[in-house]
Amino acid sequence: MFIRSLALLVLSAVLAGCASTRLDATVHTIGAWPEGRAPGSFSFERLPSQEAQAHEQDRLEAAALPALERAGFKPASGERGEVLVQVAERMLQGQTAYPDPFFVPYPMGGGLYGGRWAGAGWGWGWGMGAGYTVPYYVIEVSVLILDARGKRALYESRARSDGAWPDDGTRAALFAAALKDFPYTALSPRRVTVDLPP
C-alpha cells in the first residue's frame, strides 16, 4: 500500500510540474486581407451542420469572440456585419501510456496495459508494459473571414495543439493563436505561443 501511495504522489508531482499557463500551437494562415481595410463589424455565420448543434456552436463562438475583438473586430449590433466569420473545431482523441516506475502487480499497482494502437497521426505499434493510460487530444480550430457583400474569402487561419486538454480555455487560446498575426499571414505553418485564460 505504501508503494502505491508513493507512486501516486510522484505521479501527482509530475502532472503538477507539467501544468502550464501557456499553449503552443501550430498555425497556418492564408488569404489577402485588403490593404488599408479596417476590421470593422462582424456576424457569425453557421453551416447547416453547425446550426444543428447550436449549443456546441454557441460555446465555440464564445471562445472565439475575445480573439476577434483583440484583432479589431466588433460584433454587429442587430444587423449583418461588414464581414461574416465562420469558426469550427476538429478534435482527435487517442490514448498515451505513462510507465509506472513503482509497478506492483494488480491489484496493488497500476496494472498492465497492452495491445495494438492505430489511427490518423498516431502510427502503428504493439506494446506491453506496466503503467497508466490517459487520453491524448489533438485539437484544431479554424477561422474563416468572408466579405459580407460578395462572400469572398478574405482571411483563413487554423491553429492546432497536440496534447492540450479540450476545454473552453484551450479553445480560446487556440483562437488567439490563429488570429495573433492578423491581418498578416506570416510564415505558414509556424509555432505560436499564447497565454491560456486564467
C-alpha atoms as a PDB file:
ATOM      1  CA  MET A   1       0.000   0.000   0.000  1.00  0.00           C
ATOM      2  CA  PHE A   2       2.885   2.330   0.819  1.00  0.00           C
ATOM      3  CA  ILE A   3       4.464   1.763  -2.606  1.00  0.00           C
ATOM      4  CA  ARG A   4       1.215   2.503  -4.390  1.00  0.00           C
ATOM      5  CA  SER A   5       0.703   5.695  -2.366  1.00  0.00           C
ATOM      6  CA  LEU A   6       4.268   6.756  -3.162  1.00  0.00           C
ATOM      7  CA  ALA A   7       3.667   6.103  -6.868  1.00  0.00           C
ATOM      8  CA  LEU A   8       0.516   8.247  -6.829  1.00  0.00           C
ATOM      9  CA  LEU A   9       2.402  11.017  -5.028  1.00  0.00           C
ATOM     10  CA  VAL A  10       5.168  11.005  -7.654  1.00  0.00           C
ATOM     11  CA  LEU A  11       2.613  10.945 -10.486  1.00  0.00           C
ATOM     12  CA  SER A  12       0.787  13.928  -8.951  1.00  0.00           C
ATOM     13  CA  ALA A  13       4.059  15.858  -8.701  1.00  0.00           C
ATOM     14  CA  VAL A  14       4.915  15.097 -12.324  1.00  0.00           C
ATOM     15  CA  LEU A  15       1.485  16.192 -13.541  1.00  0.00           C
ATOM     16  CA  ALA A  16       1.650  19.370 -11.451  1.00  0.00           C
ATOM     17  CA  GLY A  17       5.043  20.129 -12.945  1.00  0.00           C
ATOM     18  CA  CYS A  18       3.609  19.701 -16.423  1.00  0.00           C
ATOM     19  CA  ALA A  19       0.861  22.246 -15.771  1.00  0.00           C
ATOM     20  CA  SER A  20       1.379  25.354 -17.825  1.00  0.00           C
ATOM     21  CA  THR A  21      -0.135  28.790 -18.255  1.00  0.00           C
ATOM     22  CA  ARG A  22       0.885  28.927 -21.923  1.00  0.00           C
ATOM     23  CA  LEU A  23      -0.099  26.963 -25.001  1.00  0.00           C
ATOM     24  CA  ASP A  24       1.996  26.148 -28.061  1.00  0.00           C
ATOM     25  CA  ALA A  25       0.105  25.892 -31.346  1.00  0.00           C
ATOM     26  CA  THR A  26       0.915  25.213 -34.974  1.00  0.00           C
ATOM     27  CA  VAL A  27      -0.704  27.972 -37.041  1.00  0.00           C
ATOM     28  CA  HIS A  28      -1.379  28.083 -40.775  1.00  0.00           C
ATOM     29  CA  THR A  29      -2.872  31.185 -42.421  1.00  0.00           C
ATOM     30  CA  ILE A  30      -3.791  32.022 -45.980  1.00  0.00           C
ATOM     31  CA  GLY A  31      -5.552  34.901 -47.681  1.00  0.00           C
ATOM     32  CA  ALA A  32      -5.060  38.503 -48.603  1.00  0.00           C
ATOM     33  CA  TRP A  33      -6.776  40.949 -46.294  1.00  0.00           C
ATOM     34  CA  PRO A  34      -7.322  44.155 -48.339  1.00  0.00           C
ATOM     35  CA  GLU A  35      -4.590  46.673 -47.606  1.00  0.00           C
ATOM     36  CA  GLY A  36      -5.881  49.606 -45.588  1.00  0.00           C
ATOM     37  CA  ARG A  37      -9.192  47.934 -44.716  1.00  0.00           C
ATOM     38  CA  ALA A  38     -10.133  48.155 -41.041  1.00  0.00           C
ATOM     39  CA  PRO A  39     -11.511  45.020 -39.386  1.00  0.00           C
ATOM     40  CA  GLY A  40     -14.949  46.592 -38.768  1.00  0.00           C
ATOM     41  CA  SER A  41     -18.092  44.791 -37.625  1.00  0.00           C
ATOM     42  CA  PHE A  42     -18.767  41.083 -37.982  1.00  0.00           C
ATOM     43  CA  SER A  43     -21.505  38.495 -37.694  1.00  0.00           C
ATOM     44  CA  PHE A  44     -21.039  34.799 -37.111  1.00  0.00           C
ATOM     45  CA  GLU A  45     -22.225  32.570 -39.932  1.00  0.00           C
ATOM     46  CA  ARG A  46     -23.019  28.893 -39.478  1.00  0.00           C
ATOM     47  CA  LEU A  47     -23.161  25.899 -41.747  1.00  0.00           C
ATOM     48  CA  PRO A  48     -26.336  23.758 -41.539  1.00  0.00           C
ATOM     49  CA  SER A  49     -24.404  21.080 -39.632  1.00  0.00           C
ATOM     50  CA  GLN A  50     -23.305  23.709 -37.098  1.00  0.00           C
ATOM     51  CA  GLU A  51     -26.830  25.078 -36.758  1.00  0.00           C
ATOM     52  CA  ALA A  52     -28.000  21.563 -35.950  1.00  0.00           C
ATOM     53  CA  GLN A  53     -25.650  21.609 -32.922  1.00  0.00           C
ATOM     54  CA  ALA A  54     -26.404  25.177 -31.875  1.00  0.00           C
ATOM     55  CA  HIS A  55     -25.400  24.740 -28.220  1.00  0.00           C
ATOM     56  CA  GLU A  56     -21.903  23.495 -29.101  1.00  0.00           C
ATOM     57  CA  GLN A  57     -21.519  26.211 -31.745  1.00  0.00           C
ATOM     58  CA  ASP A  58     -22.540  28.866 -29.193  1.00  0.00           C
ATOM     59  CA  ARG A  59     -19.662  27.728 -26.955  1.00  0.00           C
ATOM     60  CA  LEU A  60     -17.209  27.741 -29.848  1.00  0.00           C
ATOM     61  CA  GLU A  61     -18.223  31.241 -30.950  1.00  0.00           C
ATOM     62  CA  ALA A  62     -17.948  32.474 -27.348  1.00  0.00           C
ATOM     63  CA  ALA A  63     -14.402  31.079 -27.210  1.00  0.00           C
ATOM     64  CA  ALA A  64     -13.524  32.849 -30.483  1.00  0.00           C
ATOM     65  CA  LEU A  65     -15.037  36.226 -29.547  1.00  0.00           C
ATOM     66  CA  PRO A  66     -12.126  37.589 -27.419  1.00  0.00           C
ATOM     67  CA  ALA A  67      -9.596  36.803 -30.170  1.00  0.00           C
ATOM     68  CA  LEU A  68     -11.756  38.516 -32.797  1.00  0.00           C
ATOM     69  CA  GLU A  69     -12.120  41.591 -30.596  1.00  0.00           C
ATOM     70  CA  ARG A  70      -8.357  41.718 -29.959  1.00  0.00           C
ATOM     71  CA  ALA A  71      -7.870  41.622 -33.746  1.00  0.00           C
ATOM     72  CA  GLY A  72     -10.024  44.758 -34.019  1.00  0.00           C
ATOM     73  CA  PHE A  73     -13.417  43.307 -34.948  1.00  0.00           C
ATOM     74  CA  LYS A  74     -16.603  44.241 -33.135  1.00  0.00           C
ATOM     75  CA  PRO A  75     -19.898  42.323 -33.092  1.00  0.00           C
ATOM     76  CA  ALA A  76     -22.560  43.787 -35.348  1.00  0.00           C
ATOM     77  CA  SER A  77     -25.447  45.278 -33.390  1.00  0.00           C
ATOM     78  CA  GLY A  78     -28.757  43.975 -34.681  1.00  0.00           C
ATOM     79  CA  GLU A  79     -27.728  43.815 -38.315  1.00  0.00           C
ATOM     80  CA  ARG A  80     -25.373  41.955 -40.588  1.00  0.00           C
ATOM     81  CA  GLY A  81     -21.726  42.841 -40.099  1.00  0.00           C
ATOM     82  CA  GLU A  82     -19.276  44.024 -42.722  1.00  0.00           C
ATOM     83  CA  VAL A  83     -17.694  40.578 -42.635  1.00  0.00           C
ATOM     84  CA  LEU A  84     -19.017  37.107 -41.856  1.00  0.00           C
ATOM     85  CA  VAL A  85     -16.985  34.818 -39.598  1.00  0.00           C
ATOM     86  CA  GLN A  86     -17.187  31.035 -39.602  1.00  0.00           C
ATOM     87  CA  VAL A  87     -15.484  29.162 -36.766  1.00  0.00           C
ATOM     88  CA  ALA A  88     -15.049  25.412 -36.467  1.00  0.00           C
ATOM     89  CA  GLU A  89     -13.283  22.818 -34.372  1.00  0.00           C
ATOM     90  CA  ARG A  90     -11.880  19.381 -35.096  1.00  0.00           C
ATOM     91  CA  MET A  91     -10.677  17.016 -32.393  1.00  0.00           C
ATOM     92  CA  LEU A  92      -8.986  13.613 -32.420  1.00  0.00           C
ATOM     93  CA  GLN A  93      -8.600  11.530 -29.286  1.00  0.00           C
ATOM     94  CA  GLY A  94      -6.106   8.765 -28.642  1.00  0.00           C
ATOM     95  CA  GLN A  95      -4.502   7.108 -25.651  1.00  0.00           C
ATOM     96  CA  THR A  96      -0.982   7.527 -24.385  1.00  0.00           C
ATOM     97  CA  ALA A  97       0.708   5.363 -21.764  1.00  0.00           C
ATOM     98  CA  TYR A  98       2.892   6.508 -18.885  1.00  0.00           C
ATOM     99  CA  PRO A  99       5.179   3.848 -17.376  1.00  0.00           C
ATOM    100  CA  ASP A 100       4.836   3.168 -13.679  1.00  0.00           C
ATOM    101  CA  PRO A 101       8.316   3.170 -12.028  1.00  0.00           C
ATOM    102  CA  PHE A 102       6.819   1.639  -8.891  1.00  0.00           C
ATOM    103  CA  PHE A 103       4.964  -1.177 -10.650  1.00  0.00           C
ATOM    104  CA  VAL A 104       3.456  -3.783  -8.351  1.00  0.00           C
ATOM    105  CA  PRO A 105       1.218  -6.497  -9.854  1.00  0.00           C
ATOM    106  CA  TYR A 106      -2.510  -5.727  -9.788  1.00  0.00           C
ATOM    107  CA  PRO A 107      -4.442  -5.067  -7.527  1.00  0.00           C
ATOM    108  CA  MET A 108      -1.665  -3.218  -5.673  1.00  0.00           C
ATOM    109  CA  GLY A 109      -0.104  -1.417  -8.633  1.00  0.00           C
ATOM    110  CA  GLY A 110      -1.073   0.434 -11.745  1.00  0.00           C
ATOM    111  CA  GLY A 111      -1.821  -2.736 -13.674  1.00  0.00           C
ATOM    112  CA  LEU A 112      -0.873  -3.947 -17.121  1.00  0.00           C
ATOM    113  CA  TYR A 113      -1.639  -2.445 -20.476  1.00  0.00           C
ATOM    114  CA  GLY A 114      -1.024  -3.748 -23.926  1.00  0.00           C
ATOM    115  CA  GLY A 115      -2.379  -4.220 -27.412  1.00  0.00           C
ATOM    116  CA  ARG A 116      -2.316  -2.653 -30.838  1.00  0.00           C
ATOM    117  CA  TRP A 117      -2.839   1.067 -31.371  1.00  0.00           C
ATOM    118  CA  ALA A 118      -3.552   2.858 -34.618  1.00  0.00           C
ATOM    119  CA  GLY A 119      -5.136   5.939 -36.092  1.00  0.00           C
ATOM    120  CA  ALA A 120      -4.530   9.035 -38.149  1.00  0.00           C
ATOM    121  CA  GLY A 121      -1.375  10.712 -36.928  1.00  0.00           C
ATOM    122  CA  TRP A 122      -0.625   8.016 -34.377  1.00  0.00           C
ATOM    123  CA  GLY A 123       1.050   5.252 -36.463  1.00  0.00           C
ATOM    124  CA  TRP A 124       1.023   1.544 -35.685  1.00  0.00           C
ATOM    125  CA  GLY A 125       2.530  -0.488 -32.907  1.00  0.00           C
ATOM    126  CA  TRP A 126       2.295  -3.197 -30.291  1.00  0.00           C
ATOM    127  CA  GLY A 127       3.135  -2.726 -26.665  1.00  0.00           C
ATOM    128  CA  MET A 128       3.123  -4.409 -23.289  1.00  0.00           C
ATOM    129  CA  GLY A 129       4.146  -2.891 -20.010  1.00  0.00           C
ATOM    130  CA  ALA A 130       3.088  -1.509 -16.675  1.00  0.00           C
ATOM    131  CA  GLY A 131       1.711   1.953 -16.140  1.00  0.00           C
ATOM    132  CA  TYR A 132      -1.239   4.216 -16.742  1.00  0.00           C
ATOM    133  CA  THR A 133      -3.063   5.165 -19.932  1.00  0.00           C
ATOM    134  CA  VAL A 134      -4.500   8.659 -20.260  1.00  0.00           C
ATOM    135  CA  PRO A 135      -6.396  10.387 -23.072  1.00  0.00           C
ATOM    136  CA  TYR A 136      -4.359  12.375 -25.591  1.00  0.00           C
ATOM    137  CA  TYR A 137      -6.045  15.038 -27.726  1.00  0.00           C
ATOM    138  CA  VAL A 138      -5.226  16.799 -30.969  1.00  0.00           C
ATOM    139  CA  ILE A 139      -7.386  19.924 -31.243  1.00  0.00           C
ATOM    140  CA  GLU A 140      -7.642  22.232 -34.240  1.00  0.00           C
ATOM    141  CA  VAL A 141      -9.751  25.367 -34.602  1.00  0.00           C
ATOM    142  CA  SER A 142     -10.320  27.340 -37.776  1.00  0.00           C
ATOM    143  CA  VAL A 143     -11.438  30.886 -38.547  1.00  0.00           C
ATOM    144  CA  LEU A 144     -12.739  31.884 -41.983  1.00  0.00           C
ATOM    145  CA  ILE A 145     -13.498  35.571 -42.628  1.00  0.00           C
ATOM    146  CA  LEU A 146     -15.704  36.408 -45.620  1.00  0.00           C
ATOM    147  CA  ASP A 147     -16.740  39.718 -47.129  1.00  0.00           C
ATOM    148  CA  ALA A 148     -20.434  40.074 -46.304  1.00  0.00           C
ATOM    149  CA  ARG A 149     -21.383  41.521 -49.684  1.00  0.00           C
ATOM    150  CA  GLY A 150     -19.669  39.225 -52.138  1.00  0.00           C
ATOM    151  CA  LYS A 151     -18.964  36.263 -49.780  1.00  0.00           C
ATOM    152  CA  ARG A 152     -15.334  36.465 -50.962  1.00  0.00           C
ATOM    153  CA  ALA A 153     -12.897  34.763 -48.593  1.00  0.00           C
ATOM    154  CA  LEU A 154     -10.578  37.388 -47.107  1.00  0.00           C
ATOM    155  CA  TYR A 155      -8.660  35.514 -44.436  1.00  0.00           C
ATOM    156  CA  GLU A 156      -8.388  31.940 -43.195  1.00  0.00           C
ATOM    157  CA  SER A 157      -6.405  30.672 -40.242  1.00  0.00           C
ATOM    158  CA  ARG A 158      -6.071  27.336 -38.444  1.00  0.00           C
ATOM    159  CA  ALA A 159      -4.403  26.632 -35.111  1.00  0.00           C
ATOM    160  CA  ARG A 160      -3.639  23.141 -33.796  1.00  0.00           C
ATOM    161  CA  SER A 161      -2.396  21.878 -30.460  1.00  0.00           C
ATOM    162  CA  ASP A 162      -1.191  18.360 -29.710  1.00  0.00           C
ATOM    163  CA  GLY A 163      -1.831  17.176 -26.169  1.00  0.00           C
ATOM    164  CA  ALA A 164      -3.805  20.104 -24.726  1.00  0.00           C
ATOM    165  CA  TRP A 165      -6.896  19.419 -22.634  1.00  0.00           C
ATOM    166  CA  PRO A 166     -10.123  20.065 -24.634  1.00  0.00           C
ATOM    167  CA  ASP A 167     -11.799  22.804 -22.597  1.00  0.00           C
ATOM    168  CA  ASP A 168     -13.057  26.313 -23.305  1.00  0.00           C
ATOM    169  CA  GLY A 169      -9.770  27.851 -22.151  1.00  0.00           C
ATOM    170  CA  THR A 170      -7.805  25.782 -24.662  1.00  0.00           C
ATOM    171  CA  ARG A 171     -10.226  26.722 -27.454  1.00  0.00           C
ATOM    172  CA  ALA A 172      -9.955  30.425 -26.583  1.00  0.00           C
ATOM    173  CA  ALA A 173      -6.144  30.180 -26.603  1.00  0.00           C
ATOM    174  CA  LEU A 174      -6.179  28.408 -29.973  1.00  0.00           C
ATOM    175  CA  PHE A 175      -8.361  31.132 -31.489  1.00  0.00           C
ATOM    176  CA  ALA A 176      -5.954  33.712 -30.033  1.00  0.00           C
ATOM    177  CA  ALA A 177      -3.074  31.890 -31.734  1.00  0.00           C
ATOM    178  CA  ALA A 178      -4.984  31.678 -35.025  1.00  0.00           C
ATOM    179  CA  LEU A 179      -5.565  35.450 -35.101  1.00  0.00           C
ATOM    180  CA  LYS A 180      -2.376  36.617 -33.376  1.00  0.00           C
ATOM    181  CA  ASP A 181      -0.785  37.877 -36.613  1.00  0.00           C
ATOM    182  CA  PHE A 182      -3.967  39.241 -38.230  1.00  0.00           C
ATOM    183  CA  PRO A 183      -4.146  40.743 -40.851  1.00  0.00           C
ATOM    184  CA  TYR A 184      -0.832  39.219 -41.951  1.00  0.00           C
ATOM    185  CA  THR A 185      -0.403  35.610 -42.960  1.00  0.00           C
ATOM    186  CA  ALA A 186       3.224  35.345 -41.772  1.00  0.00           C
ATOM    187  CA  LEU A 187       5.212  32.161 -42.309  1.00  0.00           C
ATOM    188  CA  SER A 188       2.988  29.086 -42.546  1.00  0.00           C
ATOM    189  CA  PRO A 189       2.991  26.731 -40.823  1.00  0.00           C
ATOM    190  CA  ARG A 190       4.606  28.271 -37.736  1.00  0.00           C
ATOM    191  CA  ARG A 191       4.710  27.796 -33.988  1.00  0.00           C
ATOM    192  CA  VAL A 192       2.828  30.371 -31.934  1.00  0.00           C
ATOM    193  CA  THR A 193       2.809  30.548 -28.138  1.00  0.00           C
ATOM    194  CA  VAL A 194      -0.076  32.244 -26.357  1.00  0.00           C
ATOM    195  CA  ASP A 195      -1.257  32.609 -22.763  1.00  0.00           C
ATOM    196  CA  LEU A 196      -4.055  30.369 -21.523  1.00  0.00           C
ATOM    197  CA  PRO A 197      -7.002  32.256 -19.982  1.00  0.00           C
ATOM    198  CA  PRO A 198      -6.808  32.381 -16.156  1.00  0.00           C
END
